[in-house]
Amino acid sequence: MRTSRARSLRRTKIKSLKELSKTAGKLKAAGKKIVFTNGCFDILHYGHVQYLEKAKNSGDILVVAINSDSSIRRIKGKNRPIISQRDRARVLAGLESVDFVVIFNQDTPLKTIQAINPDILIKGGDWSKDKIVGADFVRNKGGKITTVKLAAGRSTTNIIEKIKKIVGENFGSGYPADPLTKNFMQRRHADAAVQEYIRHKWKTVTNLKTKQKGLGEF
């Protein structure tokens, strides 16, 4: 049952731009207000959930466009995203507030906005309305531009920084790692260290005292 529901979400919510453009056109013809927002949504957190709920309340149908992995790398650097586009899309599709998810490869969502032609374009309150990509297009089509106040202190960057701090404290306090791994974690770029920690779950840490006692890896 759960597997069937997951497949249904992927089929009904995660769309190609071509599919979503047709669907949006039909919904608009039926009188539905289409709300559009976009972002990376890397490491989904409460701030994201609250933001999307507010966006949904602005209309009938919420479309979330997410940057592809390659798009994020160009914008934020080679060590991002932490979560792949496939997984980010699936997590967003699981939210009640989200009706459709689409992935775009460009650096901005302008092409996606033009294809969907939303009634309402929404971004976080940290954006000035005159700087929002696609704002002119939406206004010229008779649409509305809105910003939503973001939850204070909630961000993917803050989560990553917290992980960095935890990793740094562990290795700075004599954590039983082999010299090569400790040197890597201390000297390599911090984001690379975080990804190593998350993706490999310490499998690169060898010769642990606990392993020597027969407790195995963790």
Foldseek 3Di string as FASTA:
>chain_A
DVVVVLVVLCVQAEDELVVLLVVLVVCVVVVWAEEEEEEACAVPDPQNLVQLQVSLVVTPAYEYEHEAQQLCCVVPNDLDDLDHPVVSLSVQSPRPSHRHYYYDHHNACQVSCVSNLGQEYEEAPVDDLVPHRNSVVNVVVVHYYYHHYTDPPDDPVSVLVVLLVVVCVCLVVCNQFDPVLSCCCVPPDSSVNSSCCVVVVCPVGPPGPCVVVVNDDD
